[in-house]
Amino acid sequence: MLKINLLALAMMLAMANAPAQSQTSMTTSPGTDMVGVPGCHFGEKINGTTANDVHRILTQAGYTSISGLKKSCDNNWHGHAMLNGIHTNVMITPDGRVVQEGS
């Protein structure tokens, strides 16, 4: 009985010290699945928009002091910007619409 318990303990310790193996990989190539990205769901695909694209859209809409641009799994961009001297949170949709958040 003691041999079985020691063998089980040895196996558990070996598994605990083994390097972690990822079952999925995070990729941000245009049109690829977002599996493995925290908060993303199977089948969601990231489009090819970049932070530079979004910065241009915001600038054309009259925003300044643009910062903190981050893309979410649903391809909406979120960030901070200033419009008419007022700091605001903004979201840019995949079709290029600018939406003020938290207003």
N, C-alpha and C. Protein backbone atom coordinates (compact mmCIF):
# COMPACT_ATOMS: atom_id res chain seq x y z
N MET A 1 0.83 -1.19 0.00
CA MET A 1 0.00 0.00 0.00
C MET A 1 0.87 1.26 0.00
N LEU A 2 1.94 1.23 0.79
CA LEU A 2 2.84 2.37 0.86
C LEU A 2 3.53 2.61 -0.48
N LYS A 3 3.87 1.53 -1.21
CA LYS A 3 4.51 1.67 -2.51
C LYS A 3 3.57 2.37 -3.49
N ILE A 4 2.32 2.03 -3.47
CA ILE A 4 1.34 2.64 -4.38
C ILE A 4 1.19 4.12 -4.07
N ASN A 5 1.12 4.47 -2.81
CA ASN A 5 0.99 5.87 -2.42
C ASN A 5 2.23 6.67 -2.82
N LEU A 6 3.41 6.08 -2.65
CA LEU A 6 4.64 6.77 -3.04
C LEU A 6 4.72 6.93 -4.55
N LEU A 7 4.27 5.92 -5.28
CA LEU A 7 4.27 6.00 -6.74
C LEU A 7 3.30 7.09 -7.20
N ALA A 8 2.12 7.14 -6.61
CA ALA A 8 1.14 8.18 -6.96
C ALA A 8 1.69 9.56 -6.63
N LEU A 9 2.33 9.71 -5.49
CA LEU A 9 2.92 10.98 -5.10
C LEU A 9 4.02 11.39 -6.08
N ALA A 10 4.86 10.44 -6.48
CA ALA A 10 5.94 10.74 -7.42
C ALA A 10 5.37 11.20 -8.76
N MET A 11 4.31 10.56 -9.22
CA MET A 11 3.68 10.94 -10.49
C MET A 11 3.08 12.34 -10.41
N MET A 12 2.43 12.64 -9.28
CA MET A 12 1.83 13.96 -9.11
C MET A 12 2.90 15.04 -9.10
N LEU A 13 4.01 14.78 -8.42
CA LEU A 13 5.09 15.76 -8.38
C LEU A 13 5.71 15.95 -9.75
N ALA A 14 5.87 14.88 -10.51
CA ALA A 14 6.45 14.97 -11.85
C ALA A 14 5.54 15.80 -12.76
N MET A 15 4.23 15.60 -12.65
CA MET A 15 3.30 16.36 -13.49
C MET A 15 3.26 17.82 -13.07
N ALA A 16 3.39 18.09 -11.79
CA ALA A 16 3.35 19.47 -11.31
C ALA A 16 4.57 20.26 -11.76
N ASN A 17 5.70 19.59 -11.92
CA ASN A 17 6.93 20.26 -12.33
C ASN A 17 7.14 20.27 -13.83
N ALA A 18 6.26 19.62 -14.58
CA ALA A 18 6.41 19.59 -16.04
C ALA A 18 6.08 20.97 -16.61
N PRO A 19 6.75 21.35 -17.69
CA PRO A 19 6.44 22.65 -18.29
C PRO A 19 5.02 22.67 -18.82
N ALA A 20 4.38 23.81 -18.68
CA ALA A 20 3.00 23.95 -19.14
C ALA A 20 2.97 23.88 -20.66
N GLN A 21 1.99 23.20 -21.19
CA GLN A 21 1.82 23.07 -22.63
C GLN A 21 0.54 23.80 -23.01
N SER A 22 0.64 24.71 -23.92
CA SER A 22 -0.53 25.43 -24.38
C SER A 22 -1.28 24.60 -25.40
N GLN A 23 -2.60 24.52 -25.25
CA GLN A 23 -3.40 23.78 -26.22
C GLN A 23 -3.82 24.66 -27.37
N THR A 24 -3.75 25.96 -27.20
CA THR A 24 -4.13 26.89 -28.25
C THR A 24 -3.06 27.94 -28.37
N SER A 25 -3.06 28.62 -29.47
CA SER A 25 -2.08 29.68 -29.64
C SER A 25 -2.80 30.98 -29.96
N MET A 26 -2.23 32.08 -29.49
CA MET A 26 -2.80 33.38 -29.78
C MET A 26 -2.17 33.89 -31.06
N THR A 27 -3.00 34.27 -31.99
CA THR A 27 -2.50 34.79 -33.24
C THR A 27 -3.29 36.03 -33.60
N THR A 28 -2.63 36.98 -34.18
CA THR A 28 -3.33 38.21 -34.55
C THR A 28 -3.24 38.47 -36.04
N SER A 29 -2.99 37.41 -36.83
CA SER A 29 -3.00 37.58 -38.27
C SER A 29 -4.42 37.86 -38.72
N PRO A 30 -4.60 38.72 -39.70
CA PRO A 30 -5.95 39.04 -40.15
C PRO A 30 -6.73 37.79 -40.54
N GLY A 31 -7.97 37.72 -40.05
CA GLY A 31 -8.86 36.62 -40.41
C GLY A 31 -8.59 35.32 -39.70
N THR A 32 -7.83 35.33 -38.61
CA THR A 32 -7.54 34.09 -37.90
C THR A 32 -8.39 33.99 -36.65
N ASP A 33 -8.61 32.74 -36.20
CA ASP A 33 -9.41 32.52 -35.00
C ASP A 33 -8.73 33.11 -33.78
N MET A 34 -9.54 33.58 -32.83
CA MET A 34 -9.02 34.19 -31.61
C MET A 34 -9.08 33.20 -30.45
N VAL A 35 -9.06 31.91 -30.72
CA VAL A 35 -9.08 30.91 -29.67
C VAL A 35 -7.82 31.06 -28.83
N GLY A 36 -7.95 31.02 -27.53
CA GLY A 36 -6.80 31.11 -26.64
C GLY A 36 -6.54 32.52 -26.14
N VAL A 37 -7.27 33.48 -26.65
CA VAL A 37 -7.12 34.86 -26.19
C VAL A 37 -8.14 35.07 -25.08
N PRO A 38 -7.72 35.48 -23.89
CA PRO A 38 -8.67 35.66 -22.79
C PRO A 38 -9.82 36.57 -23.20
N GLY A 39 -11.04 36.11 -22.93
CA GLY A 39 -12.24 36.88 -23.23
C GLY A 39 -12.78 36.67 -24.62
N CYS A 40 -12.05 35.98 -25.48
CA CYS A 40 -12.52 35.72 -26.84
C CYS A 40 -13.20 34.37 -26.90
N HIS A 41 -14.11 34.23 -27.84
CA HIS A 41 -14.87 33.01 -28.00
C HIS A 41 -14.46 32.29 -29.27
N PHE A 42 -14.66 31.00 -29.28
CA PHE A 42 -14.33 30.19 -30.44
C PHE A 42 -15.02 30.75 -31.68
N GLY A 43 -14.29 30.87 -32.75
CA GLY A 43 -14.86 31.33 -34.01
C GLY A 43 -14.74 32.82 -34.25
N GLU A 44 -14.40 33.61 -33.21
CA GLU A 44 -14.23 35.04 -33.43
C GLU A 44 -12.96 35.26 -34.23
N LYS A 45 -13.02 36.14 -35.17
CA LYS A 45 -11.87 36.41 -36.03
C LYS A 45 -11.50 37.88 -35.92
N ILE A 46 -10.20 38.12 -35.91
CA ILE A 46 -9.72 39.49 -35.84
C ILE A 46 -9.56 40.01 -37.26
N ASN A 47 -10.03 41.22 -37.49
CA ASN A 47 -9.88 41.79 -38.84
C ASN A 47 -8.54 42.50 -38.95
N GLY A 48 -8.28 43.09 -40.10
CA GLY A 48 -6.97 43.65 -40.36
C GLY A 48 -6.77 45.10 -39.96
N THR A 49 -7.71 45.69 -39.21
CA THR A 49 -7.52 47.09 -38.83
C THR A 49 -6.37 47.23 -37.86
N THR A 50 -5.70 48.37 -37.95
CA THR A 50 -4.56 48.63 -37.08
C THR A 50 -4.83 49.88 -36.24
N ALA A 51 -3.98 50.08 -35.25
CA ALA A 51 -4.10 51.28 -34.42
C ALA A 51 -3.90 52.54 -35.26
N ASN A 52 -3.05 52.46 -36.29
CA ASN A 52 -2.86 53.62 -37.17
C ASN A 52 -4.14 53.94 -37.94
N ASP A 53 -4.85 52.91 -38.40
CA ASP A 53 -6.13 53.13 -39.09
C ASP A 53 -7.11 53.86 -38.16
N VAL A 54 -7.20 53.39 -36.94
CA VAL A 54 -8.14 53.96 -35.98
C VAL A 54 -7.73 55.38 -35.60
N HIS A 55 -6.45 55.61 -35.45
CA HIS A 55 -5.95 56.95 -35.13
C HIS A 55 -6.36 57.93 -36.24
N ARG A 56 -6.24 57.50 -37.48
CA ARG A 56 -6.63 58.33 -38.63
C ARG A 56 -8.14 58.64 -38.59
N ILE A 57 -8.95 57.61 -38.30
CA ILE A 57 -10.41 57.80 -38.22
C ILE A 57 -10.75 58.81 -37.14
N LEU A 58 -10.13 58.67 -35.96
CA LEU A 58 -10.41 59.60 -34.86
C LEU A 58 -9.95 61.02 -35.20
N THR A 59 -8.80 61.16 -35.81
CA THR A 59 -8.30 62.47 -36.19
C THR A 59 -9.25 63.14 -37.18
N GLN A 60 -9.72 62.37 -38.17
CA GLN A 60 -10.66 62.91 -39.15
C GLN A 60 -11.98 63.32 -38.51
N ALA A 61 -12.34 62.67 -37.39
CA ALA A 61 -13.58 63.00 -36.68
C ALA A 61 -13.39 64.17 -35.72
N GLY A 62 -12.17 64.72 -35.64
CA GLY A 62 -11.93 65.89 -34.80
C GLY A 62 -11.34 65.60 -33.44
N TYR A 63 -10.97 64.37 -33.17
CA TYR A 63 -10.39 64.02 -31.87
C TYR A 63 -8.90 64.31 -31.85
N THR A 64 -8.40 64.67 -30.68
CA THR A 64 -6.98 64.92 -30.46
C THR A 64 -6.54 64.14 -29.22
N SER A 65 -5.26 64.20 -28.90
CA SER A 65 -4.71 63.53 -27.71
C SER A 65 -5.17 62.07 -27.62
N ILE A 66 -5.06 61.36 -28.71
CA ILE A 66 -5.53 59.98 -28.79
C ILE A 66 -4.51 59.07 -28.11
N SER A 67 -5.01 58.18 -27.23
CA SER A 67 -4.09 57.27 -26.52
C SER A 67 -4.82 55.99 -26.12
N GLY A 68 -4.03 55.01 -25.72
CA GLY A 68 -4.57 53.78 -25.14
C GLY A 68 -5.41 52.94 -26.08
N LEU A 69 -5.13 52.96 -27.37
CA LEU A 69 -5.95 52.21 -28.31
C LEU A 69 -5.71 50.71 -28.15
N LYS A 70 -6.79 49.97 -27.93
CA LYS A 70 -6.72 48.52 -27.78
C LYS A 70 -7.89 47.90 -28.54
N LYS A 71 -7.61 46.78 -29.18
CA LYS A 71 -8.62 46.09 -29.97
C LYS A 71 -9.23 44.96 -29.16
N SER A 72 -10.56 44.86 -29.17
CA SER A 72 -11.23 43.77 -28.47
C SER A 72 -11.54 42.64 -29.45
N CYS A 73 -11.97 41.51 -28.92
CA CYS A 73 -12.22 40.32 -29.74
C CYS A 73 -13.28 40.55 -30.80
N ASP A 74 -14.21 41.46 -30.56
CA ASP A 74 -15.26 41.72 -31.54
C ASP A 74 -14.85 42.77 -32.56
N ASN A 75 -13.54 43.08 -32.61
CA ASN A 75 -12.94 44.01 -33.57
C ASN A 75 -13.30 45.48 -33.31
N ASN A 76 -13.88 45.78 -32.17
CA ASN A 76 -14.06 47.18 -31.77
C ASN A 76 -12.75 47.64 -31.14
N TRP A 77 -12.40 48.88 -31.41
CA TRP A 77 -11.22 49.49 -30.79
C TRP A 77 -11.70 50.39 -29.66
N HIS A 78 -10.97 50.42 -28.57
CA HIS A 78 -11.29 51.26 -27.42
C HIS A 78 -10.07 52.11 -27.09
N GLY A 79 -10.31 53.33 -26.67
CA GLY A 79 -9.20 54.20 -26.30
C GLY A 79 -9.68 55.47 -25.63
N HIS A 80 -8.77 56.41 -25.51
CA HIS A 80 -9.04 57.71 -24.87
C HIS A 80 -8.68 58.79 -25.88
N ALA A 81 -9.47 59.85 -25.87
CA ALA A 81 -9.19 60.96 -26.78
C ALA A 81 -9.84 62.22 -26.24
N MET A 82 -9.52 63.32 -26.86
CA MET A 82 -10.08 64.60 -26.46
C MET A 82 -10.88 65.16 -27.64
N LEU A 83 -12.09 65.67 -27.35
CA LEU A 83 -12.92 66.31 -28.36
C LEU A 83 -13.44 67.62 -27.78
N ASN A 84 -13.13 68.71 -28.47
CA ASN A 84 -13.55 70.05 -28.01
C ASN A 84 -13.09 70.33 -26.58
N GLY A 85 -11.87 69.89 -26.25
CA GLY A 85 -11.30 70.15 -24.93
C GLY A 85 -11.78 69.23 -23.83
N ILE A 86 -12.57 68.23 -24.16
CA ILE A 86 -13.11 67.31 -23.14
C ILE A 86 -12.54 65.91 -23.37
N HIS A 87 -11.94 65.34 -22.30
CA HIS A 87 -11.42 63.98 -22.37
C HIS A 87 -12.60 63.01 -22.39
N THR A 88 -12.51 62.00 -23.23
CA THR A 88 -13.58 61.02 -23.32
C THR A 88 -13.03 59.65 -23.68
N ASN A 89 -13.77 58.62 -23.35
CA ASN A 89 -13.46 57.27 -23.78
C ASN A 89 -14.18 57.06 -25.11
N VAL A 90 -13.50 56.44 -26.05
CA VAL A 90 -14.10 56.23 -27.36
C VAL A 90 -14.03 54.76 -27.76
N MET A 91 -14.98 54.38 -28.62
CA MET A 91 -14.98 53.07 -29.23
C MET A 91 -15.14 53.28 -30.72
N ILE A 92 -14.35 52.56 -31.50
CA ILE A 92 -14.44 52.64 -32.95
C ILE A 92 -14.90 51.26 -33.41
N THR A 93 -16.04 51.22 -34.10
CA THR A 93 -16.62 49.96 -34.55
C THR A 93 -15.89 49.46 -35.79
N PRO A 94 -16.08 48.18 -36.13
CA PRO A 94 -15.41 47.65 -37.32
C PRO A 94 -15.77 48.40 -38.62
N ASP A 95 -16.94 49.02 -38.65
CA ASP A 95 -17.32 49.78 -39.86
C ASP A 95 -16.86 51.23 -39.80
N GLY A 96 -16.07 51.61 -38.77
CA GLY A 96 -15.47 52.93 -38.71
C GLY A 96 -16.26 54.00 -37.97
N ARG A 97 -17.36 53.62 -37.33
CA ARG A 97 -18.12 54.60 -36.55
C ARG A 97 -17.41 54.88 -35.23
N VAL A 98 -17.42 56.14 -34.80
CA VAL A 98 -16.83 56.54 -33.53
C VAL A 98 -17.96 56.73 -32.52
N VAL A 99 -17.85 56.06 -31.39
CA VAL A 99 -18.88 56.12 -30.34
C VAL A 99 -18.21 56.55 -29.05
N GLN A 100 -18.78 57.57 -28.40
CA GLN A 100 -18.26 57.95 -27.09
C GLN A 100 -18.81 56.98 -26.05
N GLU A 101 -17.92 56.49 -25.20
CA GLU A 101 -18.32 55.55 -24.15
C GLU A 101 -18.42 56.26 -22.82
N GLY A 102 -19.35 55.83 -22.00
CA GLY A 102 -19.49 56.36 -20.65
C GLY A 102 -20.06 57.76 -20.59
N SER A 103 -20.71 58.18 -21.64
CA SER A 103 -21.31 59.52 -21.63
C SER A 103 -22.70 59.47 -21.08
